[in-house]
Amino acid sequence: MSKRAWMPLYVGDYLGDTGHLSTTQHGAYLLLMMHYWRQGGIPDDDKQLASITKLPLRIWMDTRETIQAFFYDGWCHKRIDEELAVMEAKTRKRAAAGSKGGTQATINRWKHKAEAAMLKQTNSNAIATLNHSHSPSKKEEASKGIPVSPHLLASLTKKAASA
């Protein structure tokens, strides 16, 4: 199972369920929960469990029964299994959305940038036309292409001034 960098810990729930634990038992339980989260489970071997909890085997054996009460079917943990299922479902959903939407998102982003650039250029042309002080020659008029209505020029000038 892959390594997971974070895990949800509902402090209120944890403290409500573990108020009777000693400091050593809290440490052992938290280390087991973290190992479970990262590895997807914990082994049913006391030497390995003692190693995971950083306890000498003798102290682990004294602590084992209290800690095992938080698990079912040996060393399965209901809350962590539920959280792992939620996290894995979100990961699959995000991966599917990313593979589908990444291309479309890029297209939309470039389309938006192109539209914005065209609007900016149109605004610049409209302002330049308004600020032009002399009458255009026949050659200049012919190179302009499509005539722009005064209403459109006023609208574009307003947009350019507010940008």
Protein backbone atom coordinates (compact mmCIF):
# COMPACT_ATOMS: atom_id res chain seq x y z
CA MET A 1 0.00 0.00 0.00
CA SER A 2 1.26 3.51 -0.72
CA LYS A 3 2.56 5.91 1.89
CA ARG A 4 0.08 8.61 2.85
CA ALA A 5 1.46 11.93 4.08
CA TRP A 6 -1.54 12.97 6.19
CA MET A 7 -4.50 11.44 7.96
CA PRO A 8 -7.65 12.93 9.47
CA LEU A 9 -7.73 12.88 13.26
CA TYR A 10 -10.96 13.94 14.90
CA VAL A 11 -9.57 15.15 18.20
CA GLY A 12 -12.93 15.34 19.98
CA ASP A 13 -13.81 11.76 19.00
CA TYR A 14 -10.33 10.51 19.85
CA LEU A 15 -10.26 12.09 23.30
CA GLY A 16 -13.84 10.98 23.98
CA ASP A 17 -12.95 7.37 23.24
CA THR A 18 -9.51 7.28 24.89
CA GLY A 19 -9.88 9.22 28.13
CA HIS A 20 -9.05 6.11 30.15
CA LEU A 21 -5.69 5.46 28.45
CA SER A 22 -2.32 6.11 30.06
CA THR A 23 0.24 8.25 28.29
CA THR A 24 2.06 5.10 27.11
CA GLN A 25 -1.20 3.63 25.80
CA HIS A 26 -2.04 6.87 23.96
CA GLY A 27 1.35 6.80 22.27
CA ALA A 28 1.00 3.15 21.32
CA TYR A 29 -2.53 3.61 19.97
CA LEU A 30 -1.61 6.71 17.95
CA LEU A 31 1.44 4.99 16.46
CA LEU A 32 -0.68 1.98 15.51
CA MET A 33 -3.31 4.25 13.92
CA MET A 34 -0.63 6.07 11.92
CA HIS A 35 0.92 2.81 10.77
CA TYR A 36 -2.54 1.52 9.80
CA TRP A 37 -3.24 4.70 7.81
CA ARG A 38 0.05 4.61 5.94
CA GLN A 39 0.15 0.87 5.31
CA GLY A 40 -3.56 -0.01 5.08
CA GLY A 41 -3.41 -2.35 8.07
CA ILE A 42 -1.21 -3.65 10.87
CA PRO A 43 0.32 -7.08 11.35
CA ASP A 44 -0.95 -9.60 13.87
CA ASP A 45 2.49 -10.22 15.31
CA ASP A 46 3.43 -9.02 18.81
CA LYS A 47 7.10 -8.43 18.00
CA GLN A 48 6.15 -6.24 15.02
CA LEU A 49 3.45 -4.46 17.03
CA ALA A 50 5.94 -3.76 19.83
CA SER A 51 8.31 -2.36 17.23
CA ILE A 52 5.60 -0.16 15.64
CA THR A 53 4.58 1.19 19.07
CA LYS A 54 8.24 1.70 20.12
CA LEU A 55 7.61 -0.34 23.27
CA PRO A 56 9.67 -3.17 24.75
CA LEU A 57 7.88 -6.47 24.08
CA ARG A 58 7.06 -6.97 27.78
CA ILE A 59 5.37 -3.55 28.06
CA TRP A 60 3.58 -4.09 24.73
CA MET A 61 2.19 -7.38 26.03
CA ASP A 62 0.85 -5.56 29.13
CA THR A 63 -0.71 -2.87 26.89
CA ARG A 64 -2.00 -5.08 24.07
CA GLU A 65 -5.42 -6.00 25.46
CA THR A 66 -6.37 -2.38 26.19
CA ILE A 67 -5.29 -1.21 22.75
CA GLN A 68 -6.80 -4.15 20.88
CA ALA A 69 -10.24 -3.16 22.23
CA PHE A 70 -10.21 -0.29 19.67
CA PHE A 71 -9.91 -2.80 16.82
CA TYR A 72 -12.16 -5.58 15.51
CA ASP A 73 -11.46 -8.89 13.76
CA GLY A 74 -7.93 -8.91 15.10
CA TRP A 75 -6.39 -5.61 14.04
CA CYS A 76 -8.97 -3.95 11.76
CA HIS A 77 -10.02 -0.38 12.60
CA LYS A 78 -13.52 0.71 11.56
CA ARG A 79 -12.94 4.49 11.49
CA ILE A 80 -9.65 4.29 9.62
CA ASP A 81 -11.12 1.84 7.10
CA GLU A 82 -13.99 4.30 6.48
CA GLU A 83 -11.62 7.26 6.11
CA LEU A 84 -9.36 5.28 3.75
CA ALA A 85 -12.38 4.39 1.59
CA VAL A 86 -13.45 8.06 1.45
CA MET A 87 -9.92 9.19 0.60
CA GLU A 88 -9.50 6.54 -2.09
CA ALA A 89 -12.88 7.42 -3.66
CA LYS A 90 -11.90 11.11 -3.75
CA THR A 91 -8.54 10.24 -5.28
CA ARG A 92 -10.17 8.15 -8.02
CA LYS A 93 -12.77 10.86 -8.70
CA ARG A 94 -10.11 13.59 -8.91
CA ALA A 95 -7.91 11.48 -11.18
CA ALA A 96 -10.85 10.81 -13.54
CA ALA A 97 -11.84 14.48 -13.55
CA GLY A 98 -8.26 15.52 -14.13
CA SER A 99 -7.81 13.21 -17.09
CA LYS A 100 -11.12 14.32 -18.62
CA GLY A 101 -11.10 17.98 -17.73
CA GLY A 102 -7.46 18.88 -18.04
CA THR A 103 -7.56 19.15 -21.81
CA GLN A 104 -10.83 21.06 -21.88
CA ALA A 105 -9.67 23.39 -19.12
CA THR A 106 -6.53 24.20 -21.11
CA ILE A 107 -8.58 24.88 -24.24
CA ASN A 108 -10.95 27.16 -22.29
CA ARG A 109 -8.04 29.00 -20.67
CA TRP A 110 -6.36 29.65 -24.02
CA LYS A 111 -9.66 30.65 -25.61
CA HIS A 112 -10.27 33.15 -22.79
CA LYS A 113 -6.74 34.57 -23.17
CA ALA A 114 -7.20 34.93 -26.93
CA GLU A 115 -10.56 36.68 -26.47
CA ALA A 116 -9.07 39.03 -23.89
CA ALA A 117 -6.14 39.83 -26.20
CA MET A 118 -8.51 40.53 -29.09
CA LEU A 119 -10.66 42.82 -26.93
CA LYS A 120 -7.58 44.66 -25.69
CA GLN A 121 -6.33 45.13 -29.26
CA THR A 122 -9.77 46.32 -30.40
CA ASN A 123 -9.88 48.78 -27.49
CA SER A 124 -6.39 50.07 -28.36
CA ASN A 125 -7.37 50.52 -32.00
CA ALA A 126 -10.57 52.34 -31.01
CA ILE A 127 -8.70 54.72 -28.70
CA ALA A 128 -6.04 55.36 -31.33
CA THR A 129 -8.76 56.15 -33.85
CA LEU A 130 -10.44 58.57 -31.44
CA ASN A 131 -7.16 60.29 -30.63
CA HIS A 132 -6.12 60.57 -34.28
CA SER A 133 -5.90 64.32 -35.00
CA HIS A 134 -5.87 64.57 -38.79
CA SER A 135 -8.23 63.38 -41.46
CA PRO A 136 -7.19 60.03 -42.82
CA SER A 137 -5.92 59.82 -46.37
CA LYS A 138 -7.69 57.59 -48.86
CA LYS A 139 -4.85 55.07 -48.44
CA GLU A 140 -5.22 55.00 -44.61
CA GLU A 141 -8.98 54.65 -44.90
CA ALA A 142 -8.68 51.75 -47.33
CA SER A 143 -6.26 49.88 -45.03
CA LYS A 144 -8.62 50.08 -42.03
CA GLY A 145 -11.04 47.52 -43.39
CA ILE A 146 -14.49 47.40 -41.81
CA PRO A 147 -15.88 50.76 -40.63
CA VAL A 148 -16.70 50.98 -36.91
CA SER A 149 -19.89 52.70 -35.76
CA PRO A 150 -19.57 55.67 -33.37
CA HIS A 151 -21.67 53.75 -30.78
CA LEU A 152 -19.22 50.81 -30.82
CA LEU A 153 -16.25 53.18 -30.55
CA ALA A 154 -17.79 54.89 -27.53
CA SER A 155 -18.49 51.53 -25.89
CA LEU A 156 -14.95 50.27 -26.53
CA THR A 157 -13.45 53.51 -25.26
CA LYS A 158 -15.41 53.17 -22.01
CA LYS A 159 -14.21 49.58 -21.57
CA ALA A 160 -10.60 50.53 -22.28
CA ALA A 161 -10.74 53.42 -19.83
CA SER A 162 -12.11 51.17 -17.06
CA ALA A 163 -9.53 48.40 -17.70
